[in-house]
Amino acid sequence: MKNKNDISVMLKEAGILFAITLIAGLLLGVVNELTKEPIRIQQEKAIQEACRAVFADASSFEEMEYTPDEALAEELSGMGVKLGTVYQALGSDNAMLGYVLESTSTQGYGGNIVLYLGVRADGTLNDISILEISETAGLGMLAPEVLVPQFHDKKVESFVYTKSGASAENEIDAITSATITTRAVTNAVNGGLKAAGRMLEGGAGNE
């Protein structure tokens, strides 16, 4: 049977532990509140930079509501692609120049690959900009410098990748020893192009 001294020590230690836990929780809450706004601002800045990288001649970008129709949603799911935020790219006269779409491949070698693509009103793909990627260093992480430039100013319905050297407008040279990354980026671009095409045609789900 424990004596009173043992019980007193236990209660004291429990009280100290509770106080430490409480203070730690309060500090984490304060740090979260202090960093939440700067993180949000940084994220918004990164998104704006990505939008301008893929639609340099646009004056502003207006977020819009877009929900893919059932058929498109199923097709994108089969490609391992998820659509995110969609923006209208507006000119200096507020005319609609095209769209900027956030497209995520869930099938990258190291995780999700998030990119933005700018599609003009005539269906031309201006450029793509990779916002998030965590592929293998020296292989998949070469995507921004190896793959991104190959999508510049192309007007095609979809892209395919090749390991033997691109010879057609819709072909992309795969990164050596990084086929999974190449496929993920290509699928993300193709998914975005499909959604942009539906919107430009005035299809279902465009609000």
Protein backbone atom coordinates (compact mmCIF):
# COMPACT_ATOMS: atom_id res chain seq x y z
CA MET A 1 0.00 0.00 0.00
CA LYS A 2 1.36 3.37 -0.96
CA ASN A 3 1.96 5.83 1.85
CA LYS A 4 0.87 9.46 1.80
CA ASN A 5 4.32 10.64 0.67
CA ASP A 6 4.21 8.38 -2.41
CA ILE A 7 0.74 9.63 -3.34
CA SER A 8 1.84 13.22 -2.84
CA VAL A 9 4.85 12.72 -5.13
CA MET A 10 2.67 11.09 -7.79
CA LEU A 11 0.15 13.93 -7.69
CA LYS A 12 2.93 16.49 -7.86
CA GLU A 13 4.54 14.79 -10.88
CA ALA A 14 1.13 14.48 -12.58
CA GLY A 15 0.52 18.17 -11.97
CA ILE A 16 3.89 19.11 -13.45
CA LEU A 17 3.27 16.91 -16.49
CA PHE A 18 -0.17 18.45 -17.00
CA ALA A 19 1.27 21.96 -16.73
CA ILE A 20 4.01 21.16 -19.28
CA THR A 21 1.46 19.66 -21.67
CA LEU A 22 -0.85 22.66 -21.26
CA ILE A 23 1.94 25.19 -21.85
CA ALA A 24 3.21 23.26 -24.87
CA GLY A 25 -0.30 23.18 -26.33
CA LEU A 26 -0.77 26.89 -25.77
CA LEU A 27 2.61 27.66 -27.36
CA LEU A 28 1.79 25.52 -30.41
CA GLY A 29 -1.52 27.35 -30.75
CA VAL A 30 0.21 30.74 -30.59
CA VAL A 31 2.86 29.68 -33.12
CA ASN A 32 0.15 28.35 -35.44
CA GLU A 33 -1.75 31.64 -35.28
CA LEU A 34 1.42 33.65 -35.88
CA THR A 35 2.51 31.58 -38.88
CA LYS A 36 -0.90 30.90 -40.46
CA GLU A 37 -1.22 34.26 -42.18
CA PRO A 38 2.38 34.43 -43.52
CA ILE A 39 1.99 30.88 -44.87
CA ARG A 40 -1.30 31.81 -46.56
CA ILE A 41 0.28 34.89 -48.13
CA GLN A 42 3.24 32.82 -49.33
CA GLN A 43 0.93 30.22 -50.86
CA GLU A 44 -1.10 32.87 -52.64
CA LYS A 45 2.08 34.46 -53.95
CA ALA A 46 3.29 31.10 -55.28
CA ILE A 47 -0.06 30.54 -57.02
CA GLN A 48 -0.01 34.00 -58.61
CA GLU A 49 3.54 33.41 -59.82
CA ALA A 50 2.49 30.06 -61.30
CA CYS A 51 -0.47 31.71 -63.05
CA ARG A 52 1.74 34.40 -64.55
CA ALA A 53 4.32 31.82 -65.60
CA VAL A 54 1.71 30.06 -67.75
CA PHE A 55 -0.20 33.13 -68.92
CA ALA A 56 2.28 36.00 -69.10
CA ASP A 57 0.08 38.36 -71.12
CA ALA A 58 -2.88 38.20 -68.71
CA SER A 59 -3.47 41.21 -66.48
CA SER A 60 -5.38 39.37 -63.78
CA PHE A 61 -6.74 35.97 -62.79
CA GLU A 62 -10.26 35.46 -61.51
CA GLU A 63 -11.09 32.28 -59.62
CA MET A 64 -14.16 30.52 -60.98
CA GLU A 65 -16.39 27.59 -60.08
CA TYR A 66 -15.90 24.47 -62.17
CA THR A 67 -17.10 20.94 -61.56
CA PRO A 68 -16.24 18.27 -64.15
CA ASP A 69 -19.22 16.32 -65.48
CA GLU A 70 -19.50 12.68 -64.45
CA ALA A 71 -17.89 11.28 -67.60
CA LEU A 72 -14.90 13.60 -67.40
CA ALA A 73 -14.50 13.03 -63.66
CA GLU A 74 -14.39 9.28 -64.25
CA GLU A 75 -11.87 9.68 -67.07
CA LEU A 76 -9.61 11.88 -64.95
CA SER A 77 -9.82 9.43 -62.07
CA GLY A 78 -8.65 6.65 -64.37
CA MET A 79 -5.65 8.81 -65.28
CA GLY A 80 -4.81 9.44 -61.63
CA VAL A 81 -5.57 13.14 -62.06
CA LYS A 82 -7.45 15.57 -59.82
CA LEU A 83 -8.47 19.06 -60.88
CA GLY A 84 -8.05 21.90 -58.42
CA THR A 85 -8.74 25.60 -58.69
CA VAL A 86 -9.59 27.09 -62.08
CA TYR A 87 -8.99 30.73 -63.02
CA GLN A 88 -10.11 32.87 -65.90
CA ALA A 89 -7.12 34.69 -67.42
CA LEU A 90 -8.23 38.24 -68.14
CA GLY A 91 -6.66 40.86 -70.39
CA SER A 92 -6.20 44.57 -69.64
CA ASP A 93 -9.68 45.23 -71.07
CA ASN A 94 -11.10 42.48 -68.83
CA ALA A 95 -11.63 40.23 -71.85
CA MET A 96 -11.32 36.50 -71.23
CA LEU A 97 -8.07 35.23 -72.76
CA GLY A 98 -8.34 31.65 -71.56
CA TYR A 99 -7.98 29.56 -68.43
CA VAL A 100 -5.40 28.60 -65.86
CA LEU A 101 -6.06 25.22 -64.29
CA GLU A 102 -4.51 23.47 -61.31
CA SER A 103 -4.00 19.79 -62.12
CA THR A 104 -2.59 17.17 -59.74
CA SER A 105 -1.25 13.75 -60.63
CA THR A 106 -1.54 11.33 -57.74
CA GLN A 107 0.78 8.86 -59.45
CA GLY A 108 4.19 10.48 -59.17
CA TYR A 109 7.08 8.30 -58.02
CA GLY A 110 7.49 10.31 -54.81
CA GLY A 111 3.93 11.50 -54.31
CA ASN A 112 1.58 14.07 -55.80
CA ILE A 113 2.78 16.35 -58.58
CA VAL A 114 0.87 19.64 -58.70
CA LEU A 115 1.12 21.82 -61.78
CA TYR A 116 -0.62 24.77 -63.39
CA LEU A 117 -1.32 25.05 -67.10
CA GLY A 118 -2.44 28.05 -69.12
CA VAL A 119 -4.79 27.34 -72.02
CA ARG A 120 -5.75 30.06 -74.48
CA ALA A 121 -9.27 30.54 -75.83
CA ASP A 122 -8.23 28.81 -79.08
CA GLY A 123 -7.03 25.73 -77.18
CA THR A 124 -3.30 26.51 -77.34
CA LEU A 125 -1.31 25.45 -74.29
CA ASN A 126 0.87 28.42 -73.35
CA ASP A 127 3.03 26.75 -70.74
CA ILE A 128 2.94 24.63 -67.62
CA SER A 129 4.44 25.40 -64.22
CA ILE A 130 5.14 22.72 -61.62
CA LEU A 131 4.16 23.98 -58.17
CA GLU A 132 4.81 20.87 -56.05
CA ILE A 133 7.04 17.89 -56.77
CA SER A 134 9.03 15.46 -54.61
CA GLU A 135 10.55 12.99 -57.06
CA THR A 136 13.99 11.36 -57.03
CA ALA A 137 16.90 13.82 -57.09
CA GLY A 138 18.73 13.80 -60.42
CA LEU A 139 15.89 11.89 -62.10
CA GLY A 140 12.26 12.87 -61.61
CA MET A 141 13.28 16.18 -60.02
CA LEU A 142 14.59 17.19 -63.45
CA ALA A 143 10.97 17.57 -64.62
CA PRO A 144 10.89 21.39 -64.33
CA GLU A 145 13.92 21.81 -66.58
CA VAL A 146 13.47 18.81 -68.91
CA LEU A 147 9.70 18.36 -69.30
CA VAL A 148 8.21 21.83 -68.74
CA PRO A 149 9.81 23.54 -71.78
CA GLN A 150 8.53 20.80 -74.09
CA PHE A 151 4.90 21.80 -73.48
CA HIS A 152 5.46 25.41 -74.51
CA ASP A 153 3.05 26.88 -77.09
CA LYS A 154 1.54 23.59 -78.28
CA LYS A 155 -1.94 23.23 -79.76
CA VAL A 156 -2.82 19.56 -79.47
CA GLU A 157 -5.67 17.59 -77.92
CA SER A 158 -3.33 15.52 -75.74
CA PHE A 159 0.31 14.53 -75.32
CA VAL A 160 2.15 11.23 -75.35
CA TYR A 161 5.68 10.59 -74.13
CA THR A 162 8.37 8.71 -75.97
CA LYS A 163 11.77 7.25 -75.09
CA SER A 164 13.08 7.37 -78.66
CA GLY A 165 13.05 11.09 -79.34
CA ALA A 166 10.03 13.33 -79.93
CA SER A 167 9.24 13.81 -83.61
CA ALA A 168 5.61 14.99 -83.53
CA GLU A 169 3.96 18.07 -82.04
CA ASN A 170 2.20 16.03 -79.39
CA GLU A 171 5.22 13.99 -78.32
CA ILE A 172 7.28 14.63 -75.19
CA ASP A 173 10.77 13.25 -74.60
CA ALA A 174 10.69 11.22 -71.40
CA ILE A 175 13.25 11.88 -68.68
CA THR A 176 15.84 9.12 -68.80
CA SER A 177 15.16 6.54 -66.06
CA ALA A 178 12.16 8.54 -64.83
CA THR A 179 9.25 7.17 -66.85
CA ILE A 180 6.86 7.26 -63.89
CA THR A 181 7.46 10.98 -63.36
CA THR A 182 7.15 11.67 -67.08
CA ARG A 183 3.85 9.78 -67.27
CA ALA A 184 2.49 11.56 -64.18
CA VAL A 185 3.29 15.03 -65.54
CA THR A 186 1.93 14.15 -68.99
CA ASN A 187 -1.30 12.82 -67.49
CA ALA A 188 -1.73 15.93 -65.34
CA VAL A 189 -1.32 18.12 -68.43
CA ASN A 190 -3.71 15.97 -70.48
CA GLY A 191 -6.30 16.08 -67.71
CA GLY A 192 -6.10 19.86 -67.57
CA LEU A 193 -6.39 20.10 -71.35
CA LYS A 194 -9.50 17.91 -71.34
CA ALA A 195 -11.17 20.11 -68.72
CA ALA A 196 -10.18 23.30 -70.55
CA GLY A 197 -11.57 21.87 -73.77
CA ARG A 198 -14.92 21.18 -72.09
CA MET A 199 -15.06 24.70 -70.71
CA LEU A 200 -14.15 26.27 -74.04
CA GLU A 201 -16.91 24.25 -75.68
CA GLY A 202 -19.34 25.42 -73.02
CA GLY A 203 -19.90 21.87 -71.81
CA ALA A 204 -21.69 20.69 -68.68
CA GLY A 205 -20.15 21.64 -65.37
CA ASN A 206 -18.95 25.07 -66.46
CA GLU A 207 -20.54 27.71 -64.26
